[in-house]
Amino acid sequence: MKTKTPNLVEMGVLNPEQIIGYTTVHVTEDMDVLKIDYRRPKNSFLPKRRRYEFKRVSKPMPGSELRGAEAIRYDISPILGRAIAELDSILADGKRMTTTKQNLKDELEELRSDLTGRIAHLSEMIDALD
């Protein structure tokens, strides 16, 4: 399942399928940092972690009794919010694929076990004919 990632592409993320995790840090009252971790192919020159900075959006606090710096509220950047939603979707898709892969491996092992048992049974039947 391919997840659409227009916000990540806008940020310069060209290989979303290589993303293995991310962290966000609230650095200052008006700045957030997003760090994206990648699983890169061997001998890749691309970084295993990239860092993006986002300015928070300032909004006035409701009520006129507050003045100065106390009257300003900082909200997360809309682009950062959408990028986090896309990252969560990518990582959820990866988890579903891992679960499906494990289910297929389990089913293959069960089939292998059944076939091995059936072959052993047929060998015993052949030996009994002698």
C-alpha atoms as a PDB file:
ATOM      1  CA  MET A   1       0.000   0.000   0.000  1.00  0.00           C
ATOM      2  CA  LYS A   2       1.544   3.275  -1.146  1.00  0.00           C
ATOM      3  CA  THR A   3       0.895   6.289   1.063  1.00  0.00           C
ATOM      4  CA  LYS A   4       0.637   9.728  -0.535  1.00  0.00           C
ATOM      5  CA  THR A   5       3.024  12.194   1.069  1.00  0.00           C
ATOM      6  CA  PRO A   6       2.698  15.658  -0.515  1.00  0.00           C
ATOM      7  CA  ASN A   7       3.875  17.502   2.617  1.00  0.00           C
ATOM      8  CA  LEU A   8       6.946  15.300   3.011  1.00  0.00           C
ATOM      9  CA  VAL A   9       7.765  15.738  -0.680  1.00  0.00           C
ATOM     10  CA  GLU A  10       7.441  19.513  -0.220  1.00  0.00           C
ATOM     11  CA  MET A  11       9.967  19.230   2.636  1.00  0.00           C
ATOM     12  CA  GLY A  12      12.389  17.328   0.362  1.00  0.00           C
ATOM     13  CA  VAL A  13      11.716  13.745   1.526  1.00  0.00           C
ATOM     14  CA  LEU A  14      12.166  11.722  -1.669  1.00  0.00           C
ATOM     15  CA  ASN A  15      12.307   8.183  -0.222  1.00  0.00           C
ATOM     16  CA  PRO A  16       9.426   7.819   2.245  1.00  0.00           C
ATOM     17  CA  GLU A  17       9.611   4.010   1.984  1.00  0.00           C
ATOM     18  CA  GLN A  18      13.019   4.166   3.744  1.00  0.00           C
ATOM     19  CA  ILE A  19      11.641   5.967   6.825  1.00  0.00           C
ATOM     20  CA  ILE A  20      11.900   3.881   9.989  1.00  0.00           C
ATOM     21  CA  GLY A  21      10.974   6.468  12.619  1.00  0.00           C
ATOM     22  CA  TYR A  22      10.824  10.092  13.657  1.00  0.00           C
ATOM     23  CA  THR A  23      10.998  12.331  16.694  1.00  0.00           C
ATOM     24  CA  THR A  24       9.752  15.833  17.356  1.00  0.00           C
ATOM     25  CA  VAL A  25      11.314  18.244  19.826  1.00  0.00           C
ATOM     26  CA  HIS A  26       9.910  21.531  21.107  1.00  0.00           C
ATOM     27  CA  VAL A  27      13.169  23.512  21.145  1.00  0.00           C
ATOM     28  CA  THR A  28      11.972  26.997  22.040  1.00  0.00           C
ATOM     29  CA  GLU A  29       8.548  28.519  22.566  1.00  0.00           C
ATOM     30  CA  ASP A  30       8.348  29.365  18.866  1.00  0.00           C
ATOM     31  CA  MET A  31      10.361  26.513  17.268  1.00  0.00           C
ATOM     32  CA  ASP A  32       9.842  22.762  16.736  1.00  0.00           C
ATOM     33  CA  VAL A  33      12.339  20.292  15.278  1.00  0.00           C
ATOM     34  CA  LEU A  34      11.393  17.151  13.362  1.00  0.00           C
ATOM     35  CA  LYS A  35      14.050  14.443  13.010  1.00  0.00           C
ATOM     36  CA  ILE A  36      13.384  11.655  10.506  1.00  0.00           C
ATOM     37  CA  ASP A  37      15.351   8.381  10.678  1.00  0.00           C
ATOM     38  CA  TYR A  38      15.978   6.317   7.546  1.00  0.00           C
ATOM     39  CA  ARG A  39      17.111   2.795   6.729  1.00  0.00           C
ATOM     40  CA  ARG A  40      19.441   3.407   3.798  1.00  0.00           C
ATOM     41  CA  PRO A  41      20.918   0.825   1.436  1.00  0.00           C
ATOM     42  CA  LYS A  42      24.495  -0.239   2.064  1.00  0.00           C
ATOM     43  CA  ASN A  43      27.099   2.217   0.690  1.00  0.00           C
ATOM     44  CA  SER A  44      24.485   4.978   0.361  1.00  0.00           C
ATOM     45  CA  PHE A  45      25.756   8.542   0.583  1.00  0.00           C
ATOM     46  CA  LEU A  46      22.402   9.750   1.882  1.00  0.00           C
ATOM     47  CA  PRO A  47      22.120  10.577   5.601  1.00  0.00           C
ATOM     48  CA  LYS A  48      20.493   8.178   8.055  1.00  0.00           C
ATOM     49  CA  ARG A  49      18.823  11.094   9.862  1.00  0.00           C
ATOM     50  CA  ARG A  50      17.554  14.434   8.617  1.00  0.00           C
ATOM     51  CA  ARG A  51      16.476  17.408  10.674  1.00  0.00           C
ATOM     52  CA  TYR A  52      13.798  19.968   9.836  1.00  0.00           C
ATOM     53  CA  GLU A  53      12.961  23.140  11.762  1.00  0.00           C
ATOM     54  CA  PHE A  54       9.474  24.640  11.917  1.00  0.00           C
ATOM     55  CA  LYS A  55       8.468  28.016  13.315  1.00  0.00           C
ATOM     56  CA  ARG A  56       5.360  27.897  15.470  1.00  0.00           C
ATOM     57  CA  VAL A  57       2.377  30.052  14.548  1.00  0.00           C
ATOM     58  CA  SER A  58       1.731  32.846  17.049  1.00  0.00           C
ATOM     59  CA  LYS A  59      -1.858  33.683  17.959  1.00  0.00           C
ATOM     60  CA  PRO A  60      -3.229  36.157  20.484  1.00  0.00           C
ATOM     61  CA  MET A  61      -4.636  34.626  23.660  1.00  0.00           C
ATOM     62  CA  PRO A  62      -8.361  35.097  24.153  1.00  0.00           C
ATOM     63  CA  GLY A  63      -9.239  37.864  26.574  1.00  0.00           C
ATOM     64  CA  SER A  64      -7.950  41.388  26.662  1.00  0.00           C
ATOM     65  CA  GLU A  65      -6.588  41.349  30.242  1.00  0.00           C
ATOM     66  CA  LEU A  66      -3.214  39.869  29.172  1.00  0.00           C
ATOM     67  CA  ARG A  67      -0.549  42.136  27.710  1.00  0.00           C
ATOM     68  CA  GLY A  68       2.859  41.676  26.082  1.00  0.00           C
ATOM     69  CA  ALA A  69       4.492  38.269  25.648  1.00  0.00           C
ATOM     70  CA  GLU A  70       1.923  36.586  27.905  1.00  0.00           C
ATOM     71  CA  ALA A  71      -0.828  37.463  25.444  1.00  0.00           C
ATOM     72  CA  ILE A  72       0.638  35.314  22.672  1.00  0.00           C
ATOM     73  CA  ARG A  73      -0.011  31.594  22.211  1.00  0.00           C
ATOM     74  CA  TYR A  74       2.203  29.493  19.919  1.00  0.00           C
ATOM     75  CA  ASP A  75       0.572  26.660  17.945  1.00  0.00           C
ATOM     76  CA  ILE A  76       2.284  23.899  16.001  1.00  0.00           C
ATOM     77  CA  SER A  77       3.004  24.667  12.354  1.00  0.00           C
ATOM     78  CA  PRO A  78       0.268  23.313  10.053  1.00  0.00           C
ATOM     79  CA  ILE A  79       2.916  21.841   7.745  1.00  0.00           C
ATOM     80  CA  LEU A  80       4.515  19.994  10.672  1.00  0.00           C
ATOM     81  CA  GLY A  81       1.124  18.683  11.768  1.00  0.00           C
ATOM     82  CA  ARG A  82       0.369  17.328   8.281  1.00  0.00           C
ATOM     83  CA  ALA A  83       3.904  15.879   7.963  1.00  0.00           C
ATOM     84  CA  ILE A  84       3.482  14.035  11.283  1.00  0.00           C
ATOM     85  CA  ALA A  85       0.151  12.608  10.076  1.00  0.00           C
ATOM     86  CA  GLU A  86       1.867  11.379   6.885  1.00  0.00           C
ATOM     87  CA  LEU A  87       4.755   9.884   8.875  1.00  0.00           C
ATOM     88  CA  ASP A  88       2.301   8.068  11.168  1.00  0.00           C
ATOM     89  CA  SER A  89       0.529   6.706   8.105  1.00  0.00           C
ATOM     90  CA  ILE A  90       3.814   5.524   6.532  1.00  0.00           C
ATOM     91  CA  LEU A  91       4.928   3.831   9.727  1.00  0.00           C
ATOM     92  CA  ALA A  92       1.491   2.200  10.194  1.00  0.00           C
ATOM     93  CA  ASP A  93       1.683   0.865   6.616  1.00  0.00           C
ATOM     94  CA  GLY A  94       5.142  -0.532   7.364  1.00  0.00           C
ATOM     95  CA  LYS A  95       3.848  -2.211  10.512  1.00  0.00           C
ATOM     96  CA  ARG A  96       0.954  -3.767   8.547  1.00  0.00           C
ATOM     97  CA  MET A  97       3.415  -5.039   5.919  1.00  0.00           C
ATOM     98  CA  THR A  98       5.638  -6.508   8.655  1.00  0.00           C
ATOM     99  CA  THR A  99       2.634  -8.219  10.206  1.00  0.00           C
ATOM    100  CA  THR A 100       1.561  -9.597   6.836  1.00  0.00           C
ATOM    101  CA  LYS A 101       5.104 -10.772   6.121  1.00  0.00           C
ATOM    102  CA  GLN A 102       5.229 -12.578   9.469  1.00  0.00           C
ATOM    103  CA  ASN A 103       1.835 -14.171   8.797  1.00  0.00           C
ATOM    104  CA  LEU A 104       3.070 -15.446   5.444  1.00  0.00           C
ATOM    105  CA  LYS A 105       6.242 -16.832   7.032  1.00  0.00           C
ATOM    106  CA  ASP A 106       4.170 -18.616   9.678  1.00  0.00           C
ATOM    107  CA  GLU A 107       1.875 -20.088   7.030  1.00  0.00           C
ATOM    108  CA  LEU A 108       4.871 -21.238   4.961  1.00  0.00           C
ATOM    109  CA  GLU A 109       6.394 -22.933   8.012  1.00  0.00           C
ATOM    110  CA  GLU A 110       3.107 -24.694   8.737  1.00  0.00           C
ATOM    111  CA  LEU A 111       2.886 -25.896   5.127  1.00  0.00           C
ATOM    112  CA  ARG A 112       6.509 -27.067   5.263  1.00  0.00           C
ATOM    113  CA  SER A 113       5.762 -28.988   8.458  1.00  0.00           C
ATOM    114  CA  ASP A 114       2.643 -30.596   6.943  1.00  0.00           C
ATOM    115  CA  LEU A 115       4.519 -31.640   3.795  1.00  0.00           C
ATOM    116  CA  THR A 116       7.407 -33.058   5.809  1.00  0.00           C
ATOM    117  CA  GLY A 117       4.966 -35.107   7.886  1.00  0.00           C
ATOM    118  CA  ARG A 118       3.114 -36.331   4.793  1.00  0.00           C
ATOM    119  CA  ILE A 119       6.393 -37.332   3.065  1.00  0.00           C
ATOM    120  CA  ALA A 120       7.501 -39.206   6.197  1.00  0.00           C
ATOM    121  CA  HIS A 121       4.147 -41.012   6.298  1.00  0.00           C
ATOM    122  CA  LEU A 122       4.413 -42.020   2.615  1.00  0.00           C
ATOM    123  CA  SER A 123       7.988 -43.259   3.170  1.00  0.00           C
ATOM    124  CA  GLU A 124       6.765 -45.437   6.058  1.00  0.00           C
ATOM    125  CA  MET A 125       3.988 -46.842   3.876  1.00  0.00           C
ATOM    126  CA  ILE A 126       6.493 -47.652   1.108  1.00  0.00           C
ATOM    127  CA  ASP A 127       8.842 -49.346   3.597  1.00  0.00           C
ATOM    128  CA  ALA A 128       5.916 -51.387   4.967  1.00  0.00           C
ATOM    129  CA  LEU A 129       5.284 -52.815   1.471  1.00  0.00           C
ATOM    130  CA  ASP A 130       8.669 -54.573   1.352  1.00  0.00           C
END
